[in-house]
Amino acid sequence: MLPKVVACDLDGTLLRSDGTLSERTRRALAAVHAAGSMVVACTARPVRWVRPLAAEFGGASVAVCVNGAVTWDLDGDAALSELAIDAAVVSEVVEILTGLFPGGAWAVEHTHGFGHEPGYRPRWPVPHDTRVAAVSRLLHRPPVKLMFRHEEMSPDAMLAPAQRALGGLVELSHSNSADGLLEISAAGVDKGSALARLCDRAGVRADEVIAFGDMPNDLPMLVWAGHGVAVANAHPEVLGADGAVREL
């Protein structure tokens, strides 16, 4: 039976190392769409980084962005849902992690905006209107994602201690083992919960979904889907996850 929904992570899964789609992948996505399945891009990327790829997704009309905090209608170029982190929670998280990992720096993602502290080194081009200031000055409205970067620590080394210190206050993950970056969303917000909400609205069951991913931020989506697939070079935590996750 063909899946009704094909959900796929972008970086490290669907995209090549240069951030582009191969011709073979384009043909595969087009075939999936032609067969009647819904293609959903599920990514840690903000909306502004997904828009340029929309035409190449083989008919994908919806993207789960910012690790599930924003679900975006690619055809209408509008938000279907936005789930920000409560302002009081943000302040507590910043205080705890700054004390736990001295020397790090913060960035803040809004649906339509980005800002970072002077000590935060962006790895990708930033918008022309990016604000650079202390994190306390970047929180003029609740963010959809917080990012904490430490140049001398790996995300794997930070993730478990941060989870213990925060005790479920927020969702923590990372999407690149080579980059010392923790990605933080509101409690209960991840790719899996966003995909579940999207499928529920479309009348699609979990067992009618296949999902592909490679990093810890993909795990909720891979475990929720009826058929979760970890790519061969996925993070060890993903490859060693529940038996429902299959290596490709």
C-alpha atoms as a PDB file:
ATOM      1  CA  MET A   1       0.000   0.000   0.000  1.00  0.00           C
ATOM      2  CA  LEU A   2       1.319   3.423  -0.930  1.00  0.00           C
ATOM      3  CA  PRO A   3       1.792   5.830   1.998  1.00  0.00           C
ATOM      4  CA  LYS A   4      -0.590   8.757   2.092  1.00  0.00           C
ATOM      5  CA  VAL A   5       2.143  11.023   3.475  1.00  0.00           C
ATOM      6  CA  VAL A   6       5.898  10.994   2.850  1.00  0.00           C
ATOM      7  CA  ALA A   7       7.675  13.192   5.408  1.00  0.00           C
ATOM      8  CA  CYS A   8      11.338  13.902   4.873  1.00  0.00           C
ATOM      9  CA  ASP A   9      14.045  15.826   6.677  1.00  0.00           C
ATOM     10  CA  LEU A  10      16.121  18.100   4.448  1.00  0.00           C
ATOM     11  CA  ASP A  11      19.753  18.559   5.503  1.00  0.00           C
ATOM     12  CA  GLY A  12      21.641  15.286   5.700  1.00  0.00           C
ATOM     13  CA  THR A  13      18.677  13.331   4.347  1.00  0.00           C
ATOM     14  CA  LEU A  14      17.005  14.731   1.238  1.00  0.00           C
ATOM     15  CA  LEU A  15      19.604  17.351   0.311  1.00  0.00           C
ATOM     16  CA  ARG A  16      23.175  16.823  -0.796  1.00  0.00           C
ATOM     17  CA  SER A  17      26.050  18.291   1.201  1.00  0.00           C
ATOM     18  CA  ASP A  18      25.913  21.466  -0.906  1.00  0.00           C
ATOM     19  CA  GLY A  19      22.257  21.979   0.028  1.00  0.00           C
ATOM     20  CA  THR A  20      20.838  21.034  -3.368  1.00  0.00           C
ATOM     21  CA  LEU A  21      18.591  18.246  -4.644  1.00  0.00           C
ATOM     22  CA  SER A  22      19.982  15.698  -7.074  1.00  0.00           C
ATOM     23  CA  GLU A  23      18.127  15.057 -10.308  1.00  0.00           C
ATOM     24  CA  ARG A  24      17.411  11.515  -9.123  1.00  0.00           C
ATOM     25  CA  THR A  25      15.812  12.865  -5.940  1.00  0.00           C
ATOM     26  CA  ARG A  26      13.701  15.328  -7.921  1.00  0.00           C
ATOM     27  CA  ARG A  27      12.384  12.495 -10.069  1.00  0.00           C
ATOM     28  CA  ALA A  28      11.633  10.377  -7.006  1.00  0.00           C
ATOM     29  CA  LEU A  29       9.713  13.199  -5.317  1.00  0.00           C
ATOM     30  CA  ALA A  30       7.772  13.908  -8.498  1.00  0.00           C
ATOM     31  CA  ALA A  31       6.850  10.213  -8.745  1.00  0.00           C
ATOM     32  CA  VAL A  32       5.652  10.170  -5.123  1.00  0.00           C
ATOM     33  CA  HIS A  33       3.468  13.200  -5.775  1.00  0.00           C
ATOM     34  CA  ALA A  34       2.144  11.750  -9.036  1.00  0.00           C
ATOM     35  CA  ALA A  35       1.151   8.581  -7.165  1.00  0.00           C
ATOM     36  CA  GLY A  36      -1.096  10.663  -4.930  1.00  0.00           C
ATOM     37  CA  SER A  37       0.986  10.856  -1.759  1.00  0.00           C
ATOM     38  CA  MET A  38       1.460  14.128   0.111  1.00  0.00           C
ATOM     39  CA  VAL A  39       5.126  15.163   0.393  1.00  0.00           C
ATOM     40  CA  VAL A  40       5.931  17.084   3.577  1.00  0.00           C
ATOM     41  CA  ALA A  41       9.336  18.679   4.126  1.00  0.00           C
ATOM     42  CA  CYS A  42      10.217  18.500   7.848  1.00  0.00           C
ATOM     43  CA  THR A  43      13.193  20.583   8.850  1.00  0.00           C
ATOM     44  CA  ALA A  44      14.988  22.599  11.509  1.00  0.00           C
ATOM     45  CA  ARG A  45      15.326  25.340   8.912  1.00  0.00           C
ATOM     46  CA  PRO A  46      13.319  28.560   9.284  1.00  0.00           C
ATOM     47  CA  VAL A  47      10.711  29.435   6.689  1.00  0.00           C
ATOM     48  CA  ARG A  48      13.039  31.810   4.851  1.00  0.00           C
ATOM     49  CA  TRP A  49      15.400  28.905   4.063  1.00  0.00           C
ATOM     50  CA  VAL A  50      12.597  26.630   2.869  1.00  0.00           C
ATOM     51  CA  ARG A  51      10.871  28.987   0.432  1.00  0.00           C
ATOM     52  CA  PRO A  52      13.657  28.840  -2.228  1.00  0.00           C
ATOM     53  CA  LEU A  53      13.423  25.032  -2.280  1.00  0.00           C
ATOM     54  CA  ALA A  54       9.639  24.809  -2.447  1.00  0.00           C
ATOM     55  CA  ALA A  55       9.452  24.484  -6.229  1.00  0.00           C
ATOM     56  CA  GLU A  56      11.838  21.512  -6.135  1.00  0.00           C
ATOM     57  CA  PHE A  57       9.940  19.406  -3.604  1.00  0.00           C
ATOM     58  CA  GLY A  58       8.033  17.429  -6.200  1.00  0.00           C
ATOM     59  CA  GLY A  59       4.636  18.863  -5.387  1.00  0.00           C
ATOM     60  CA  ALA A  60       5.087  19.405  -1.654  1.00  0.00           C
ATOM     61  CA  SER A  61       2.594  22.026  -0.504  1.00  0.00           C
ATOM     62  CA  VAL A  62       3.352  22.035   3.227  1.00  0.00           C
ATOM     63  CA  ALA A  63       6.563  22.280   5.249  1.00  0.00           C
ATOM     64  CA  VAL A  64       7.111  21.624   8.933  1.00  0.00           C
ATOM     65  CA  CYS A  65       9.765  24.227   9.790  1.00  0.00           C
ATOM     66  CA  VAL A  66      11.833  25.225  12.825  1.00  0.00           C
ATOM     67  CA  ASN A  67      11.654  21.683  14.293  1.00  0.00           C
ATOM     68  CA  GLY A  68       7.858  21.745  14.319  1.00  0.00           C
ATOM     69  CA  ALA A  69       7.264  25.217  15.713  1.00  0.00           C
ATOM     70  CA  VAL A  70       5.950  26.550  12.388  1.00  0.00           C
ATOM     71  CA  THR A  71       3.871  24.661   9.818  1.00  0.00           C
ATOM     72  CA  TRP A  72       3.931  26.571   6.549  1.00  0.00           C
ATOM     73  CA  ASP A  73       1.642  26.535   3.522  1.00  0.00           C
ATOM     74  CA  LEU A  74       4.114  26.671   0.633  1.00  0.00           C
ATOM     75  CA  ASP A  75       1.433  27.378  -1.973  1.00  0.00           C
ATOM     76  CA  GLY A  76      -0.191  30.229  -0.074  1.00  0.00           C
ATOM     77  CA  ASP A  77       3.076  31.374   1.560  1.00  0.00           C
ATOM     78  CA  ALA A  78       1.405  31.641   4.959  1.00  0.00           C
ATOM     79  CA  ALA A  79       1.576  30.032   8.383  1.00  0.00           C
ATOM     80  CA  LEU A  80      -0.815  27.201   9.190  1.00  0.00           C
ATOM     81  CA  SER A  81       0.387  27.152  12.792  1.00  0.00           C
ATOM     82  CA  GLU A  82       2.985  28.902  14.959  1.00  0.00           C
ATOM     83  CA  LEU A  83       3.959  27.683  18.427  1.00  0.00           C
ATOM     84  CA  ALA A  84       6.220  30.062  20.311  1.00  0.00           C
ATOM     85  CA  ILE A  85       8.030  29.576  23.616  1.00  0.00           C
ATOM     86  CA  ASP A  86       6.422  31.396  26.552  1.00  0.00           C
ATOM     87  CA  ALA A  87       8.395  34.505  27.537  1.00  0.00           C
ATOM     88  CA  ALA A  88       8.795  33.453  31.174  1.00  0.00           C
ATOM     89  CA  VAL A  89      10.064  30.040  30.095  1.00  0.00           C
ATOM     90  CA  VAL A  90      12.569  31.639  27.718  1.00  0.00           C
ATOM     91  CA  SER A  91      14.054  33.725  30.513  1.00  0.00           C
ATOM     92  CA  GLU A  92      14.424  30.679  32.752  1.00  0.00           C
ATOM     93  CA  VAL A  93      16.032  28.602  30.007  1.00  0.00           C
ATOM     94  CA  VAL A  94      18.513  31.344  29.160  1.00  0.00           C
ATOM     95  CA  GLU A  95      19.508  31.725  32.805  1.00  0.00           C
ATOM     96  CA  ILE A  96      19.948  27.980  33.388  1.00  0.00           C
ATOM     97  CA  LEU A  97      21.924  27.152  30.248  1.00  0.00           C
ATOM     98  CA  THR A  98      24.114  30.246  30.457  1.00  0.00           C
ATOM     99  CA  GLY A  99      25.118  29.121  33.944  1.00  0.00           C
ATOM    100  CA  LEU A 100      25.524  25.487  32.930  1.00  0.00           C
ATOM    101  CA  PHE A 101      27.726  26.164  29.890  1.00  0.00           C
ATOM    102  CA  PRO A 102      29.670  29.422  30.397  1.00  0.00           C
ATOM    103  CA  GLY A 103      31.074  30.947  27.243  1.00  0.00           C
ATOM    104  CA  GLY A 104      28.158  30.165  24.935  1.00  0.00           C
ATOM    105  CA  ALA A 105      26.029  32.625  22.974  1.00  0.00           C
ATOM    106  CA  TRP A 106      22.370  32.888  22.020  1.00  0.00           C
ATOM    107  CA  ALA A 107      20.320  33.345  18.871  1.00  0.00           C
ATOM    108  CA  VAL A 108      16.576  33.850  18.576  1.00  0.00           C
ATOM    109  CA  GLU A 109      14.336  32.779  15.709  1.00  0.00           C
ATOM    110  CA  HIS A 110      10.950  34.341  15.052  1.00  0.00           C
ATOM    111  CA  THR A 111       8.705  33.359  12.161  1.00  0.00           C
ATOM    112  CA  HIS A 112       9.626  36.620  10.445  1.00  0.00           C
ATOM    113  CA  GLY A 113      12.934  37.615  11.967  1.00  0.00           C
ATOM    114  CA  PHE A 114      16.258  36.544  13.426  1.00  0.00           C
ATOM    115  CA  GLY A 115      18.639  37.945  16.002  1.00  0.00           C
ATOM    116  CA  HIS A 116      21.778  36.870  17.792  1.00  0.00           C
ATOM    117  CA  GLU A 117      24.248  37.948  20.431  1.00  0.00           C
ATOM    118  CA  PRO A 118      27.554  39.487  19.325  1.00  0.00           C
ATOM    119  CA  GLY A 119      29.410  36.320  20.374  1.00  0.00           C
ATOM    120  CA  TYR A 120      27.178  34.024  18.319  1.00  0.00           C
ATOM    121  CA  ARG A 121      28.764  33.043  15.002  1.00  0.00           C
ATOM    122  CA  PRO A 122      26.146  32.250  12.358  1.00  0.00           C
ATOM    123  CA  ARG A 123      27.091  29.383  10.044  1.00  0.00           C
ATOM    124  CA  TRP A 124      24.674  30.463   7.305  1.00  0.00           C
ATOM    125  CA  PRO A 125      23.766  33.789   5.671  1.00  0.00           C
ATOM    126  CA  VAL A 126      21.486  35.853   7.892  1.00  0.00           C
ATOM    127  CA  PRO A 127      18.678  38.256   6.890  1.00  0.00           C
ATOM    128  CA  HIS A 128      19.608  41.856   6.147  1.00  0.00           C
ATOM    129  CA  ASP A 129      17.538  43.013   9.122  1.00  0.00           C
ATOM    130  CA  THR A 130      19.157  40.665  11.647  1.00  0.00           C
ATOM    131  CA  ARG A 131      19.359  42.202  15.105  1.00  0.00           C
ATOM    132  CA  VAL A 132      22.632  41.830  17.012  1.00  0.00           C
ATOM    133  CA  ALA A 133      22.298  42.464  20.751  1.00  0.00           C
ATOM    134  CA  ALA A 134      22.268  40.780  24.133  1.00  0.00           C
ATOM    135  CA  VAL A 135      19.676  38.013  24.228  1.00  0.00           C
ATOM    136  CA  SER A 136      17.525  39.968  26.705  1.00  0.00           C
ATOM    137  CA  ARG A 137      17.065  42.650  24.037  1.00  0.00           C
ATOM    138  CA  LEU A 138      16.121  40.143  21.346  1.00  0.00           C
ATOM    139  CA  LEU A 139      13.088  38.851  23.203  1.00  0.00           C
ATOM    140  CA  HIS A 140      10.651  41.632  22.302  1.00  0.00           C
ATOM    141  CA  ARG A 141       8.177  38.869  21.459  1.00  0.00           C
ATOM    142  CA  PRO A 142       8.151  35.128  22.210  1.00  0.00           C
ATOM    143  CA  PRO A 143      10.452  33.220  19.812  1.00  0.00           C
ATOM    144  CA  VAL A 144       9.582  30.037  17.938  1.00  0.00           C
ATOM    145  CA  LYS A 145      13.097  28.737  18.559  1.00  0.00           C
ATOM    146  CA  LEU A 146      16.061  29.504  20.779  1.00  0.00           C
ATOM    147  CA  MET A 147      19.566  28.479  19.760  1.00  0.00           C
ATOM    148  CA  PHE A 148      22.524  28.154  22.093  1.00  0.00           C
ATOM    149  CA  ARG A 149      25.944  27.792  20.487  1.00  0.00           C
ATOM    150  CA  HIS A 150      29.168  26.921  22.254  1.00  0.00           C
ATOM    151  CA  GLU A 151      32.311  26.960  20.138  1.00  0.00           C
ATOM    152  CA  GLU A 152      34.195  24.564  22.423  1.00  0.00           C
ATOM    153  CA  MET A 153      31.528  21.931  23.076  1.00  0.00           C
ATOM    154  CA  SER A 154      29.696  19.422  20.908  1.00  0.00           C
ATOM    155  CA  PRO A 155      25.903  19.254  20.884  1.00  0.00           C
ATOM    156  CA  ASP A 156      26.045  15.629  22.017  1.00  0.00           C
ATOM    157  CA  ALA A 157      28.065  16.661  25.089  1.00  0.00           C
ATOM    158  CA  MET A 158      25.572  19.397  25.955  1.00  0.00           C
ATOM    159  CA  LEU A 159      22.271  17.725  25.178  1.00  0.00           C
ATOM    160  CA  ALA A 160      21.852  15.268  28.081  1.00  0.00           C
ATOM    161  CA  PRO A 161      23.085  17.682  30.815  1.00  0.00           C
ATOM    162  CA  ALA A 162      20.837  20.401  29.417  1.00  0.00           C
ATOM    163  CA  GLN A 163      17.829  18.070  29.420  1.00  0.00           C
ATOM    164  CA  ARG A 164      18.473  17.122  33.048  1.00  0.00           C
ATOM    165  CA  ALA A 165      18.897  20.743  34.099  1.00  0.00           C
ATOM    166  CA  LEU A 166      15.732  21.906  32.355  1.00  0.00           C
ATOM    167  CA  GLY A 167      13.585  18.938  33.349  1.00  0.00           C
ATOM    168  CA  GLY A 168      11.055  19.040  30.515  1.00  0.00           C
ATOM    169  CA  LEU A 169      10.622  22.817  30.574  1.00  0.00           C
ATOM    170  CA  VAL A 170      11.286  22.868  26.815  1.00  0.00           C
ATOM    171  CA  GLU A 171      12.193  20.495  23.990  1.00  0.00           C
ATOM    172  CA  LEU A 172      15.911  20.247  23.226  1.00  0.00           C
ATOM    173  CA  SER A 173      17.546  18.690  20.195  1.00  0.00           C
ATOM    174  CA  HIS A 174      20.265  19.174  17.645  1.00  0.00           C
ATOM    175  CA  SER A 175      20.514  18.691  13.902  1.00  0.00           C
ATOM    176  CA  ASN A 176      24.285  18.658  13.298  1.00  0.00           C
ATOM    177  CA  SER A 177      26.826  16.718  15.351  1.00  0.00           C
ATOM    178  CA  ALA A 178      29.674  18.833  13.976  1.00  0.00           C
ATOM    179  CA  ASP A 179      28.198  22.109  15.236  1.00  0.00           C
ATOM    180  CA  GLY A 180      28.057  23.009  18.936  1.00  0.00           C
ATOM    181  CA  LEU A 181      24.439  24.109  18.721  1.00  0.00           C
ATOM    182  CA  LEU A 182      21.446  23.231  20.876  1.00  0.00           C
ATOM    183  CA  GLU A 183      18.031  23.912  19.338  1.00  0.00           C
ATOM    184  CA  ILE A 184      15.224  24.703  21.770  1.00  0.00           C
ATOM    185  CA  SER A 185      11.455  24.664  21.192  1.00  0.00           C
ATOM    186  CA  ALA A 186       8.402  24.965  23.408  1.00  0.00           C
ATOM    187  CA  ALA A 187       7.520  21.880  25.465  1.00  0.00           C
ATOM    188  CA  GLY A 188       5.734  19.323  23.313  1.00  0.00           C
ATOM    189  CA  VAL A 189       6.843  20.951  20.063  1.00  0.00           C
ATOM    190  CA  ASP A 190       8.902  18.799  17.719  1.00  0.00           C
ATOM    191  CA  LYS A 191       8.744  17.382  14.201  1.00  0.00           C
ATOM    192  CA  GLY A 192       6.690  14.410  15.383  1.00  0.00           C
ATOM    193  CA  SER A 193       3.952  16.414  17.102  1.00  0.00           C
ATOM    194  CA  ALA A 194       3.742  18.865  14.179  1.00  0.00           C
ATOM    195  CA  LEU A 195       3.469  16.037  11.654  1.00  0.00           C
ATOM    196  CA  ALA A 196       0.824  14.327  13.818  1.00  0.00           C
ATOM    197  CA  ARG A 197      -1.300  17.504  13.926  1.00  0.00           C
ATOM    198  CA  LEU A 198      -0.956  18.007  10.187  1.00  0.00           C
ATOM    199  CA  CYS A 199      -1.948  14.415   9.437  1.00  0.00           C
ATOM    200  CA  ASP A 200      -4.860  14.539  11.866  1.00  0.00           C
ATOM    201  CA  ARG A 201      -6.293  17.543  10.017  1.00  0.00           C
ATOM    202  CA  ALA A 202      -5.903  15.643   6.736  1.00  0.00           C
ATOM    203  CA  GLY A 203      -7.498  12.484   8.127  1.00  0.00           C
ATOM    204  CA  VAL A 204      -4.279  10.471   7.787  1.00  0.00           C
ATOM    205  CA  ARG A 205      -3.290   7.843  10.371  1.00  0.00           C
ATOM    206  CA  ALA A 206       0.270   7.291  11.583  1.00  0.00           C
ATOM    207  CA  ASP A 207       0.387   3.888   9.897  1.00  0.00           C
ATOM    208  CA  GLU A 208      -0.224   5.636   6.561  1.00  0.00           C
ATOM    209  CA  VAL A 209       2.937   7.754   6.932  1.00  0.00           C
ATOM    210  CA  ILE A 210       6.564   7.055   6.052  1.00  0.00           C
ATOM    211  CA  ALA A 211       9.244   9.402   7.429  1.00  0.00           C
ATOM    212  CA  PHE A 212      12.962   9.782   6.687  1.00  0.00           C
ATOM    213  CA  GLY A 213      15.626  11.455   8.849  1.00  0.00           C
ATOM    214  CA  ASP A 214      19.153  11.387  10.218  1.00  0.00           C
ATOM    215  CA  MET A 215      19.517  13.441  13.405  1.00  0.00           C
ATOM    216  CA  PRO A 216      18.146  13.499  16.992  1.00  0.00           C
ATOM    217  CA  ASN A 217      15.666  16.228  16.060  1.00  0.00           C
ATOM    218  CA  ASP A 218      14.132  13.724  13.593  1.00  0.00           C
ATOM    219  CA  LEU A 219      13.519  11.004  16.181  1.00  0.00           C
ATOM    220  CA  PRO A 220      10.022  12.112  17.299  1.00  0.00           C
ATOM    221  CA  MET A 221       8.907  12.081  13.658  1.00  0.00           C
ATOM    222  CA  LEU A 222      10.533   8.727  12.870  1.00  0.00           C
ATOM    223  CA  VAL A 223       9.045   7.051  15.931  1.00  0.00           C
ATOM    224  CA  TRP A 224       5.549   8.512  15.381  1.00  0.00           C
ATOM    225  CA  ALA A 225       5.300   7.503  11.729  1.00  0.00           C
ATOM    226  CA  GLY A 226       4.090   4.025  10.912  1.00  0.00           C
ATOM    227  CA  HIS A 227       7.325   3.469   8.985  1.00  0.00           C
ATOM    228  CA  GLY A 228      10.369   5.463  10.105  1.00  0.00           C
ATOM    229  CA  VAL A 229      13.584   5.262   8.096  1.00  0.00           C
ATOM    230  CA  ALA A 230      17.028   6.372   9.261  1.00  0.00           C
ATOM    231  CA  VAL A 231      19.488   7.019   6.440  1.00  0.00           C
ATOM    232  CA  ALA A 232      22.666   4.925   6.547  1.00  0.00           C
ATOM    233  CA  ASN A 233      24.914   7.720   7.868  1.00  0.00           C
ATOM    234  CA  ALA A 234      22.445   8.859  10.536  1.00  0.00           C
ATOM    235  CA  HIS A 235      23.393   9.839  14.068  1.00  0.00           C
ATOM    236  CA  PRO A 236      24.059   6.773  16.305  1.00  0.00           C
ATOM    237  CA  GLU A 237      21.108   7.680  18.527  1.00  0.00           C
ATOM    238  CA  VAL A 238      18.838   7.528  15.491  1.00  0.00           C
ATOM    239  CA  LEU A 239      20.294   4.284  14.139  1.00  0.00           C
ATOM    240  CA  GLY A 240      19.943   2.705  17.569  1.00  0.00           C
ATOM    241  CA  ALA A 241      16.392   3.870  18.200  1.00  0.00           C
ATOM    242  CA  ASP A 242      13.192   1.870  18.429  1.00  0.00           C
ATOM    243  CA  GLY A 243      12.833  -1.091  16.086  1.00  0.00           C
ATOM    244  CA  ALA A 244      10.326   0.859  14.019  1.00  0.00           C
ATOM    245  CA  VAL A 245      13.228   2.915  12.659  1.00  0.00           C
ATOM    246  CA  ARG A 246      14.849   1.174   9.712  1.00  0.00           C
ATOM    247  CA  GLU A 247      18.216   1.982   8.167  1.00  0.00           C
ATOM    248  CA  LEU A 248      18.236   2.798   4.475  1.00  0.00           C
END
